[in-house]
Amino acid sequence: MIEFFQSTWPSYFSGFMIVVIMLILIFSGKTFGFSSNLRTICTIVGAGKHVDFFKFDWKAQRWNLLFLLGSIIGGFIATQFLNNPEPLQLAESTIRDLQKLNIKFNGNLNPDQLFSLHALTQPKNIFILFIGGLLVGFGARYAGGCTSGHAISGLSNLQIPSLLAVIGFFIGGLMMTYLFMPFIF
């Protein structure tokens, strides 16, 4: 059974599960998005006393907090107990592109030089993570939701603002990949 969970699943399985979850959410009148959990958590800890944006009934979002908690627990279980011990296989062209950015591919899902405890001792990495976090947080708030909220929930509800946001996310991702990352690394 463990081998089944460690094996590569077909991509259409994920797509099918996203459709099932979205249909359940649409018919129950809920929308999906991870960044809304940040607002809910801020409200729980009392931010509504100081900022009107955080004054809302957070208890209506408990299901989304459970989804967040389940994602964290599921990710932990997957990486600790279901992780395939074989190195990740990347295309040679991808490895060469990483090398151009001075990022060494060592077979892990995330490069150790950027995503490890040792990486957090490097001021440049801390700066990149801090600025990236601010930009993602600001962008999610300014766009009225995160990539998952707009791309999954908004598009499935045929919302034009979500389509525009997703187009903006793609443009931003391409700019980051081809313009900024070579400069940063």
N, C-alpha and C. Protein backbone atom coordinates (compact mmCIF):
# COMPACT_ATOMS: atom_id res chain seq x y z
N MET A 1 0.83 -1.20 0.00
CA MET A 1 0.00 0.00 0.00
C MET A 1 0.87 1.26 0.00
N ILE A 2 1.96 1.24 0.78
CA ILE A 2 2.85 2.40 0.83
C ILE A 2 3.44 2.67 -0.56
N GLU A 3 3.76 1.62 -1.29
CA GLU A 3 4.32 1.78 -2.64
C GLU A 3 3.33 2.49 -3.55
N PHE A 4 2.06 2.24 -3.37
CA PHE A 4 1.03 2.91 -4.16
C PHE A 4 1.08 4.42 -3.92
N PHE A 5 1.20 4.83 -2.65
CA PHE A 5 1.23 6.26 -2.32
C PHE A 5 2.55 6.90 -2.73
N GLN A 6 3.64 6.13 -2.76
CA GLN A 6 4.93 6.67 -3.15
C GLN A 6 5.08 6.79 -4.66
N SER A 7 4.26 6.08 -5.41
CA SER A 7 4.40 6.10 -6.86
C SER A 7 3.86 7.42 -7.42
N THR A 8 4.24 7.71 -8.65
CA THR A 8 3.75 8.90 -9.33
C THR A 8 2.32 8.66 -9.79
N TRP A 9 1.44 9.56 -9.42
CA TRP A 9 0.05 9.45 -9.83
C TRP A 9 -0.16 10.25 -11.10
N PRO A 10 -1.13 9.86 -11.90
CA PRO A 10 -1.39 10.62 -13.13
C PRO A 10 -1.91 12.03 -12.80
N SER A 11 -1.53 12.99 -13.63
CA SER A 11 -1.92 14.38 -13.37
C SER A 11 -3.43 14.57 -13.41
N TYR A 12 -4.14 13.78 -14.21
CA TYR A 12 -5.58 13.96 -14.30
C TYR A 12 -6.29 13.64 -12.98
N PHE A 13 -5.65 12.85 -12.10
CA PHE A 13 -6.26 12.57 -10.80
C PHE A 13 -6.39 13.85 -9.98
N SER A 14 -5.34 14.66 -10.00
CA SER A 14 -5.40 15.94 -9.28
C SER A 14 -6.48 16.83 -9.85
N GLY A 15 -6.54 16.91 -11.18
CA GLY A 15 -7.57 17.72 -11.82
C GLY A 15 -8.96 17.26 -11.46
N PHE A 16 -9.16 15.96 -11.46
CA PHE A 16 -10.47 15.41 -11.10
C PHE A 16 -10.82 15.76 -9.65
N MET A 17 -9.87 15.64 -8.74
CA MET A 17 -10.14 15.95 -7.33
C MET A 17 -10.43 17.44 -7.13
N ILE A 18 -9.74 18.30 -7.88
CA ILE A 18 -10.02 19.74 -7.80
C ILE A 18 -11.45 20.01 -8.26
N VAL A 19 -11.89 19.35 -9.32
CA VAL A 19 -13.27 19.51 -9.81
C VAL A 19 -14.25 19.06 -8.75
N VAL A 20 -14.02 17.91 -8.13
CA VAL A 20 -14.92 17.40 -7.09
C VAL A 20 -15.02 18.39 -5.94
N ILE A 21 -13.88 18.87 -5.47
CA ILE A 21 -13.87 19.81 -4.34
C ILE A 21 -14.57 21.11 -4.73
N MET A 22 -14.30 21.62 -5.94
CA MET A 22 -14.93 22.87 -6.36
C MET A 22 -16.43 22.73 -6.49
N LEU A 23 -16.91 21.60 -7.00
CA LEU A 23 -18.36 21.39 -7.09
C LEU A 23 -18.99 21.39 -5.71
N ILE A 24 -18.34 20.73 -4.77
CA ILE A 24 -18.85 20.72 -3.38
C ILE A 24 -18.90 22.14 -2.83
N LEU A 25 -17.84 22.91 -3.04
CA LEU A 25 -17.80 24.28 -2.53
C LEU A 25 -18.84 25.17 -3.21
N ILE A 26 -18.96 25.06 -4.52
CA ILE A 26 -19.92 25.89 -5.25
C ILE A 26 -21.35 25.59 -4.78
N PHE A 27 -21.69 24.31 -4.65
CA PHE A 27 -23.05 23.96 -4.23
C PHE A 27 -23.31 24.27 -2.76
N SER A 28 -22.25 24.42 -1.98
CA SER A 28 -22.45 24.79 -0.57
C SER A 28 -22.28 26.29 -0.36
N GLY A 29 -22.05 27.04 -1.46
CA GLY A 29 -21.98 28.50 -1.37
C GLY A 29 -20.68 29.04 -0.80
N LYS A 30 -19.61 28.27 -0.88
CA LYS A 30 -18.32 28.69 -0.33
C LYS A 30 -17.34 28.92 -1.47
N THR A 31 -16.31 29.71 -1.18
CA THR A 31 -15.23 29.92 -2.14
C THR A 31 -13.93 29.47 -1.51
N PHE A 32 -12.98 29.09 -2.37
CA PHE A 32 -11.72 28.54 -1.91
C PHE A 32 -10.60 29.54 -2.11
N GLY A 33 -9.69 29.58 -1.17
CA GLY A 33 -8.48 30.39 -1.28
C GLY A 33 -7.70 30.33 0.02
N PHE A 34 -6.42 30.09 -0.10
CA PHE A 34 -5.59 29.98 1.10
C PHE A 34 -5.32 31.32 1.76
N SER A 35 -5.20 32.38 0.98
CA SER A 35 -4.86 33.66 1.59
C SER A 35 -5.96 34.18 2.50
N SER A 36 -7.19 33.73 2.31
CA SER A 36 -8.26 34.15 3.22
C SER A 36 -8.01 33.62 4.63
N ASN A 37 -7.23 32.57 4.75
CA ASN A 37 -6.88 32.07 6.08
C ASN A 37 -6.04 33.07 6.87
N LEU A 38 -5.21 33.85 6.17
CA LEU A 38 -4.41 34.86 6.87
C LEU A 38 -5.33 35.90 7.51
N ARG A 39 -6.34 36.33 6.78
CA ARG A 39 -7.30 37.29 7.33
C ARG A 39 -8.02 36.68 8.53
N THR A 40 -8.42 35.42 8.40
CA THR A 40 -9.14 34.74 9.49
C THR A 40 -8.26 34.63 10.73
N ILE A 41 -7.01 34.25 10.55
CA ILE A 41 -6.10 34.11 11.69
C ILE A 41 -5.85 35.46 12.35
N CYS A 42 -5.68 36.50 11.55
CA CYS A 42 -5.50 37.84 12.12
C CYS A 42 -6.73 38.27 12.92
N THR A 43 -7.91 37.92 12.42
CA THR A 43 -9.14 38.25 13.13
C THR A 43 -9.23 37.50 14.45
N ILE A 44 -8.86 36.23 14.43
CA ILE A 44 -8.91 35.42 15.66
C ILE A 44 -8.01 36.00 16.75
N VAL A 45 -6.83 36.48 16.36
CA VAL A 45 -5.90 37.01 17.37
C VAL A 45 -6.19 38.46 17.74
N GLY A 46 -7.25 39.06 17.18
CA GLY A 46 -7.70 40.36 17.66
C GLY A 46 -7.40 41.55 16.78
N ALA A 47 -7.01 41.34 15.53
CA ALA A 47 -6.69 42.47 14.67
C ALA A 47 -7.91 43.33 14.37
N GLY A 48 -9.11 42.77 14.52
CA GLY A 48 -10.34 43.53 14.28
C GLY A 48 -10.53 44.68 15.24
N LYS A 49 -9.83 44.66 16.36
CA LYS A 49 -9.92 45.78 17.33
C LYS A 49 -9.25 47.04 16.78
N HIS A 50 -8.36 46.86 15.80
CA HIS A 50 -7.58 47.98 15.29
C HIS A 50 -7.85 48.31 13.83
N VAL A 51 -8.28 47.31 13.04
CA VAL A 51 -8.47 47.51 11.60
C VAL A 51 -9.82 46.93 11.20
N ASP A 52 -10.64 47.75 10.54
CA ASP A 52 -11.99 47.32 10.17
C ASP A 52 -12.01 46.13 9.22
N PHE A 53 -10.97 46.00 8.39
CA PHE A 53 -10.90 44.89 7.44
C PHE A 53 -11.00 43.54 8.14
N PHE A 54 -10.53 43.47 9.38
CA PHE A 54 -10.51 42.22 10.13
C PHE A 54 -11.75 42.03 11.00
N LYS A 55 -12.73 42.89 10.86
CA LYS A 55 -13.97 42.75 11.61
C LYS A 55 -14.97 41.96 10.77
N PHE A 56 -15.03 40.67 10.98
CA PHE A 56 -16.00 39.81 10.29
C PHE A 56 -16.18 38.55 11.11
N ASP A 57 -17.17 37.78 10.77
CA ASP A 57 -17.46 36.54 11.49
C ASP A 57 -16.50 35.44 11.02
N TRP A 58 -15.40 35.30 11.74
CA TRP A 58 -14.37 34.33 11.35
C TRP A 58 -14.85 32.89 11.51
N LYS A 59 -15.86 32.67 12.33
CA LYS A 59 -16.33 31.30 12.55
C LYS A 59 -16.93 30.69 11.28
N ALA A 60 -17.37 31.55 10.36
CA ALA A 60 -17.88 31.05 9.09
C ALA A 60 -16.75 30.50 8.22
N GLN A 61 -15.51 30.79 8.57
CA GLN A 61 -14.35 30.33 7.80
C GLN A 61 -13.62 29.16 8.47
N ARG A 62 -14.24 28.55 9.49
CA ARG A 62 -13.57 27.43 10.18
C ARG A 62 -13.23 26.29 9.23
N TRP A 63 -14.10 26.02 8.27
CA TRP A 63 -13.85 24.95 7.32
C TRP A 63 -12.56 25.19 6.55
N ASN A 64 -12.28 26.45 6.20
CA ASN A 64 -11.07 26.79 5.46
C ASN A 64 -9.84 26.62 6.33
N LEU A 65 -9.97 26.92 7.62
CA LEU A 65 -8.86 26.69 8.55
C LEU A 65 -8.56 25.20 8.68
N LEU A 66 -9.61 24.39 8.68
CA LEU A 66 -9.41 22.93 8.71
C LEU A 66 -8.72 22.45 7.44
N PHE A 67 -9.07 23.05 6.31
CA PHE A 67 -8.41 22.70 5.05
C PHE A 67 -6.93 23.05 5.12
N LEU A 68 -6.62 24.22 5.68
CA LEU A 68 -5.22 24.64 5.85
C LEU A 68 -4.48 23.67 6.77
N LEU A 69 -5.09 23.34 7.90
CA LEU A 69 -4.46 22.41 8.84
C LEU A 69 -4.26 21.03 8.20
N GLY A 70 -5.26 20.56 7.47
CA GLY A 70 -5.14 19.28 6.77
C GLY A 70 -4.03 19.30 5.74
N SER A 71 -3.84 20.43 5.06
CA SER A 71 -2.76 20.55 4.08
C SER A 71 -1.40 20.47 4.74
N ILE A 72 -1.28 21.11 5.88
CA ILE A 72 0.00 21.08 6.62
C ILE A 72 0.28 19.66 7.12
N ILE A 73 -0.71 19.04 7.73
CA ILE A 73 -0.53 17.67 8.25
C ILE A 73 -0.28 16.70 7.09
N GLY A 74 -1.04 16.83 6.01
CA GLY A 74 -0.85 15.97 4.84
C GLY A 74 0.53 16.13 4.23
N GLY A 75 1.01 17.36 4.14
CA GLY A 75 2.36 17.60 3.63
C GLY A 75 3.42 16.98 4.51
N PHE A 76 3.23 17.07 5.82
CA PHE A 76 4.18 16.46 6.77
C PHE A 76 4.20 14.94 6.60
N ILE A 77 3.02 14.34 6.56
CA ILE A 77 2.94 12.88 6.40
C ILE A 77 3.57 12.45 5.08
N ALA A 78 3.28 13.18 4.01
CA ALA A 78 3.82 12.82 2.70
C ALA A 78 5.34 12.91 2.67
N THR A 79 5.91 13.97 3.25
CA THR A 79 7.36 14.12 3.19
C THR A 79 8.09 13.21 4.16
N GLN A 80 7.49 12.93 5.31
CA GLN A 80 8.17 12.12 6.32
C GLN A 80 7.99 10.62 6.12
N PHE A 81 6.84 10.19 5.63
CA PHE A 81 6.54 8.76 5.59
C PHE A 81 6.29 8.21 4.19
N LEU A 82 5.92 9.05 3.24
CA LEU A 82 5.57 8.57 1.91
C LEU A 82 6.53 9.06 0.83
N ASN A 83 7.60 9.69 1.25
CA ASN A 83 8.54 10.28 0.32
C ASN A 83 9.30 9.19 -0.44
N ASN A 84 9.37 9.33 -1.74
CA ASN A 84 10.14 8.40 -2.57
C ASN A 84 11.62 8.73 -2.36
N PRO A 85 12.43 7.77 -1.89
CA PRO A 85 13.82 8.07 -1.56
C PRO A 85 14.72 8.31 -2.78
N GLU A 86 14.24 7.99 -3.97
CA GLU A 86 15.07 8.19 -5.15
C GLU A 86 15.14 9.67 -5.51
N PRO A 87 16.29 10.10 -6.04
CA PRO A 87 16.44 11.52 -6.40
C PRO A 87 15.43 11.92 -7.48
N LEU A 88 15.05 13.16 -7.43
CA LEU A 88 14.14 13.72 -8.43
C LEU A 88 14.83 13.74 -9.79
N GLN A 89 14.11 13.40 -10.82
CA GLN A 89 14.66 13.40 -12.18
C GLN A 89 14.24 14.69 -12.88
N LEU A 90 15.21 15.50 -13.25
CA LEU A 90 14.94 16.73 -13.99
C LEU A 90 15.54 16.63 -15.38
N ALA A 91 14.96 17.34 -16.31
CA ALA A 91 15.51 17.40 -17.66
C ALA A 91 16.87 18.10 -17.61
N GLU A 92 17.77 17.68 -18.46
CA GLU A 92 19.11 18.28 -18.51
C GLU A 92 19.03 19.78 -18.77
N SER A 93 18.08 20.19 -19.60
CA SER A 93 17.95 21.62 -19.89
C SER A 93 17.57 22.41 -18.64
N THR A 94 16.74 21.82 -17.79
CA THR A 94 16.36 22.49 -16.53
C THR A 94 17.56 22.58 -15.60
N ILE A 95 18.34 21.53 -15.52
CA ILE A 95 19.54 21.54 -14.68
C ILE A 95 20.52 22.60 -15.18
N ARG A 96 20.68 22.72 -16.50
CA ARG A 96 21.56 23.76 -17.07
C ARG A 96 21.02 25.15 -16.75
N ASP A 97 19.69 25.34 -16.84
CA ASP A 97 19.11 26.64 -16.50
C ASP A 97 19.35 26.99 -15.04
N LEU A 98 19.24 26.00 -14.16
CA LEU A 98 19.52 26.25 -12.74
C LEU A 98 20.98 26.61 -12.53
N GLN A 99 21.88 25.93 -13.23
CA GLN A 99 23.31 26.22 -13.10
C GLN A 99 23.62 27.64 -13.56
N LYS A 100 22.92 28.12 -14.57
CA LYS A 100 23.12 29.50 -15.03
C LYS A 100 22.77 30.50 -13.93
N LEU A 101 21.85 30.09 -13.04
CA LEU A 101 21.45 30.95 -11.92
C LEU A 101 22.29 30.67 -10.67
N ASN A 102 23.34 29.84 -10.81
CA ASN A 102 24.20 29.43 -9.70
C ASN A 102 23.45 28.64 -8.64
N ILE A 103 22.45 27.88 -9.07
CA ILE A 103 21.70 27.01 -8.17
C ILE A 103 22.07 25.57 -8.51
N LYS A 104 22.61 24.87 -7.53
CA LYS A 104 23.07 23.49 -7.74
C LYS A 104 21.90 22.54 -7.50
N PHE A 105 21.62 21.69 -8.48
CA PHE A 105 20.58 20.67 -8.34
C PHE A 105 21.19 19.44 -7.68
N ASN A 106 20.61 19.05 -6.54
CA ASN A 106 21.15 17.91 -5.81
C ASN A 106 20.14 16.75 -5.70
N GLY A 107 19.12 16.76 -6.55
CA GLY A 107 18.16 15.66 -6.54
C GLY A 107 16.97 15.87 -5.63
N ASN A 108 16.98 16.92 -4.83
CA ASN A 108 15.86 17.21 -3.94
C ASN A 108 14.81 18.06 -4.65
N LEU A 109 13.61 18.07 -4.10
CA LEU A 109 12.53 18.86 -4.68
C LEU A 109 12.86 20.35 -4.65
N ASN A 110 13.43 20.81 -3.53
CA ASN A 110 13.83 22.20 -3.38
C ASN A 110 15.34 22.27 -3.21
N PRO A 111 15.99 23.25 -3.86
CA PRO A 111 17.45 23.36 -3.73
C PRO A 111 17.85 23.67 -2.28
N ASP A 112 18.79 22.90 -1.76
CA ASP A 112 19.23 23.09 -0.37
C ASP A 112 19.84 24.47 -0.15
N GLN A 113 20.48 25.04 -1.16
CA GLN A 113 21.12 26.33 -0.95
C GLN A 113 20.10 27.46 -0.75
N LEU A 114 18.83 27.19 -1.08
CA LEU A 114 17.78 28.18 -0.86
C LEU A 114 16.81 27.77 0.23
N PHE A 115 16.57 26.45 0.40
CA PHE A 115 15.55 25.95 1.30
C PHE A 115 16.13 24.95 2.29
N SER A 116 16.91 25.43 3.22
CA SER A 116 17.46 24.58 4.28
C SER A 116 17.72 25.46 5.48
N LEU A 117 17.98 24.84 6.60
CA LEU A 117 18.30 25.64 7.79
C LEU A 117 19.59 26.43 7.58
N HIS A 118 20.55 25.83 6.88
CA HIS A 118 21.80 26.55 6.59
C HIS A 118 21.54 27.78 5.73
N ALA A 119 20.59 27.68 4.80
CA ALA A 119 20.27 28.81 3.93
C ALA A 119 19.76 30.00 4.73
N LEU A 120 19.14 29.73 5.87
CA LEU A 120 18.61 30.83 6.70
C LEU A 120 19.71 31.58 7.44
N THR A 121 20.94 31.10 7.35
CA THR A 121 22.06 31.84 7.96
C THR A 121 22.66 32.84 6.98
N GLN A 122 22.23 32.79 5.73
CA GLN A 122 22.75 33.69 4.69
C GLN A 122 21.86 34.93 4.60
N PRO A 123 22.42 36.12 4.82
CA PRO A 123 21.60 37.35 4.77
C PRO A 123 20.87 37.53 3.43
N LYS A 124 21.50 37.16 2.32
CA LYS A 124 20.86 37.31 1.02
C LYS A 124 19.59 36.47 0.94
N ASN A 125 19.64 35.24 1.43
CA ASN A 125 18.46 34.36 1.40
C ASN A 125 17.35 34.90 2.29
N ILE A 126 17.72 35.39 3.46
CA ILE A 126 16.71 35.97 4.37
C ILE A 126 16.05 37.18 3.71
N PHE A 127 16.85 38.01 3.07
CA PHE A 127 16.33 39.19 2.38
C PHE A 127 15.37 38.78 1.25
N ILE A 128 15.77 37.78 0.45
CA ILE A 128 14.93 37.32 -0.66
C ILE A 128 13.60 36.77 -0.12
N LEU A 129 13.66 35.95 0.93
CA LEU A 129 12.43 35.38 1.50
C LEU A 129 11.54 36.47 2.08
N PHE A 130 12.13 37.45 2.75
CA PHE A 130 11.36 38.53 3.37
C PHE A 130 10.67 39.39 2.31
N ILE A 131 11.44 39.82 1.31
CA ILE A 131 10.87 40.66 0.25
C ILE A 131 9.83 39.86 -0.55
N GLY A 132 10.15 38.58 -0.85
CA GLY A 132 9.20 37.73 -1.56
C GLY A 132 7.90 37.56 -0.79
N GLY A 133 8.01 37.36 0.53
CA GLY A 133 6.83 37.23 1.37
C GLY A 133 5.98 38.50 1.38
N LEU A 134 6.66 39.65 1.47
CA LEU A 134 5.93 40.92 1.43
C LEU A 134 5.21 41.11 0.08
N LEU A 135 5.91 40.80 -1.00
CA LEU A 135 5.30 40.97 -2.32
C LEU A 135 4.13 40.02 -2.53
N VAL A 136 4.28 38.78 -2.09
CA VAL A 136 3.18 37.82 -2.23
C VAL A 136 2.00 38.24 -1.35
N GLY A 137 2.29 38.64 -0.12
CA GLY A 137 1.21 39.08 0.78
C GLY A 137 0.50 40.30 0.26
N PHE A 138 1.27 41.29 -0.19
CA PHE A 138 0.67 42.51 -0.75
C PHE A 138 -0.11 42.17 -2.01
N GLY A 139 0.48 41.35 -2.88
CA GLY A 139 -0.17 41.00 -4.13
C GLY A 139 -1.47 40.25 -3.91
N ALA A 140 -1.47 39.31 -2.96
CA ALA A 140 -2.70 38.56 -2.67
C ALA A 140 -3.78 39.49 -2.13
N ARG A 141 -3.40 40.42 -1.30
CA ARG A 141 -4.38 41.36 -0.75
C ARG A 141 -4.88 42.32 -1.84
N TYR A 142 -3.95 42.86 -2.62
CA TYR A 142 -4.30 43.82 -3.66
C TYR A 142 -5.17 43.18 -4.74
N ALA A 143 -4.89 41.91 -5.06
CA ALA A 143 -5.65 41.21 -6.09
C ALA A 143 -6.96 40.64 -5.53
N GLY A 144 -7.18 40.78 -4.24
CA GLY A 144 -8.41 40.26 -3.64
C GLY A 144 -8.40 38.76 -3.50
N GLY A 145 -7.23 38.16 -3.46
CA GLY A 145 -7.11 36.72 -3.30
C GLY A 145 -5.80 36.21 -3.83
N CYS A 146 -5.52 34.96 -3.55
CA CYS A 146 -4.26 34.36 -3.96
C CYS A 146 -4.44 33.59 -5.27
N THR A 147 -3.36 32.98 -5.72
CA THR A 147 -3.41 32.25 -6.98
C THR A 147 -4.41 31.10 -6.92
N SER A 148 -4.45 30.39 -5.81
CA SER A 148 -5.40 29.28 -5.72
C SER A 148 -6.83 29.77 -5.69
N GLY A 149 -7.07 30.85 -5.00
CA GLY A 149 -8.43 31.39 -4.93
C GLY A 149 -8.93 31.86 -6.28
N HIS A 150 -8.10 32.62 -6.99
CA HIS A 150 -8.52 33.13 -8.29
C HIS A 150 -8.52 32.04 -9.36
N ALA A 151 -7.42 31.27 -9.42
CA ALA A 151 -7.28 30.30 -10.51
C ALA A 151 -8.22 29.12 -10.36
N ILE A 152 -8.51 28.72 -9.15
CA ILE A 152 -9.37 27.55 -8.97
C ILE A 152 -10.81 27.99 -8.70
N SER A 153 -11.00 28.78 -7.68
CA SER A 153 -12.36 29.15 -7.29
C SER A 153 -12.94 30.22 -8.21
N GLY A 154 -12.17 31.26 -8.47
CA GLY A 154 -12.70 32.35 -9.29
C GLY A 154 -12.98 31.94 -10.72
N LEU A 155 -12.05 31.20 -11.33
CA LEU A 155 -12.27 30.77 -12.72
C LEU A 155 -13.41 29.77 -12.82
N SER A 156 -13.56 28.90 -11.82
CA SER A 156 -14.66 27.94 -11.89
C SER A 156 -16.01 28.62 -11.71
N ASN A 157 -16.02 29.82 -11.12
CA ASN A 157 -17.24 30.61 -11.01
C ASN A 157 -17.38 31.61 -12.15
N LEU A 158 -16.48 31.50 -13.15
CA LEU A 158 -16.50 32.34 -14.35
C LEU A 158 -16.43 33.84 -14.02
N GLN A 159 -15.56 34.22 -13.09
CA GLN A 159 -15.41 35.61 -12.70
C GLN A 159 -14.33 36.28 -13.54
N ILE A 160 -14.69 37.34 -14.22
CA ILE A 160 -13.75 38.08 -15.07
C ILE A 160 -12.58 38.65 -14.24
N PRO A 161 -12.80 39.23 -13.05
CA PRO A 161 -11.65 39.72 -12.27
C PRO A 161 -10.64 38.61 -11.94
N SER A 162 -11.14 37.40 -11.74
CA SER A 162 -10.22 36.29 -11.48
C SER A 162 -9.42 35.94 -12.72
N LEU A 163 -10.04 36.00 -13.89
CA LEU A 163 -9.32 35.75 -15.13
C LEU A 163 -8.22 36.79 -15.31
N LEU A 164 -8.53 38.05 -15.05
CA LEU A 164 -7.53 39.11 -15.16
C LEU A 164 -6.40 38.90 -14.14
N ALA A 165 -6.77 38.50 -12.93
CA ALA A 165 -5.75 38.24 -11.90
C ALA A 165 -4.84 37.09 -12.31
N VAL A 166 -5.40 36.02 -12.85
CA VAL A 166 -4.60 34.87 -13.27
C VAL A 166 -3.67 35.26 -14.41
N ILE A 167 -4.15 36.06 -15.35
CA ILE A 167 -3.29 36.54 -16.43
C ILE A 167 -2.14 37.36 -15.83
N GLY A 168 -2.47 38.19 -14.85
CA GLY A 168 -1.43 38.97 -14.16
C GLY A 168 -0.44 38.09 -13.43
N PHE A 169 -0.91 37.01 -12.80
CA PHE A 169 -0.01 36.08 -12.11
C PHE A 169 0.97 35.46 -13.10
N PHE A 170 0.47 35.06 -14.27
CA PHE A 170 1.34 34.45 -15.27
C PHE A 170 2.37 35.45 -15.78
N ILE A 171 1.93 36.68 -16.05
CA ILE A 171 2.86 37.70 -16.51
C ILE A 171 3.92 37.96 -15.44
N GLY A 172 3.50 38.07 -14.20
CA GLY A 172 4.45 38.28 -13.10
C GLY A 172 5.41 37.12 -12.95
N GLY A 173 4.93 35.90 -13.10
CA GLY A 173 5.80 34.73 -13.01
C GLY A 173 6.82 34.70 -14.12
N LEU A 174 6.40 35.03 -15.34
CA LEU A 174 7.33 35.07 -16.46
C LEU A 174 8.37 36.17 -16.27
N MET A 175 7.93 37.34 -15.79
CA MET A 175 8.88 38.43 -15.53
C MET A 175 9.90 38.02 -14.46
N MET A 176 9.42 37.38 -13.42
CA MET A 176 10.32 36.95 -12.36
C MET A 176 11.34 35.94 -12.89
N THR A 177 10.85 34.97 -13.67
CA THR A 177 11.72 33.91 -14.18
C THR A 177 12.77 34.44 -15.14
N TYR A 178 12.36 35.28 -16.07
CA TYR A 178 13.27 35.68 -17.14
C TYR A 178 13.98 37.02 -16.91
N LEU A 179 13.43 37.89 -16.07
CA LEU A 179 14.05 39.19 -15.86
C LEU A 179 14.74 39.33 -14.50
N PHE A 180 14.03 38.95 -13.44
CA PHE A 180 14.55 39.23 -12.11
C PHE A 180 15.44 38.12 -11.53
N MET A 181 15.07 36.86 -11.74
CA MET A 181 15.86 35.77 -11.15
C MET A 181 17.31 35.78 -11.63
N PRO A 182 17.60 36.00 -12.94
CA PRO A 182 19.00 36.06 -13.33
C PRO A 182 19.75 37.20 -12.66
N PHE A 183 19.04 38.29 -12.40
CA PHE A 183 19.66 39.43 -11.71
C PHE A 183 19.92 39.13 -10.23
N ILE A 184 18.95 38.47 -9.58
CA ILE A 184 19.06 38.17 -8.15
C ILE A 184 20.13 37.12 -7.88
N PHE A 185 20.15 36.07 -8.71
CA PHE A 185 21.08 34.96 -8.45
C PHE A 185 22.33 35.08 -9.29
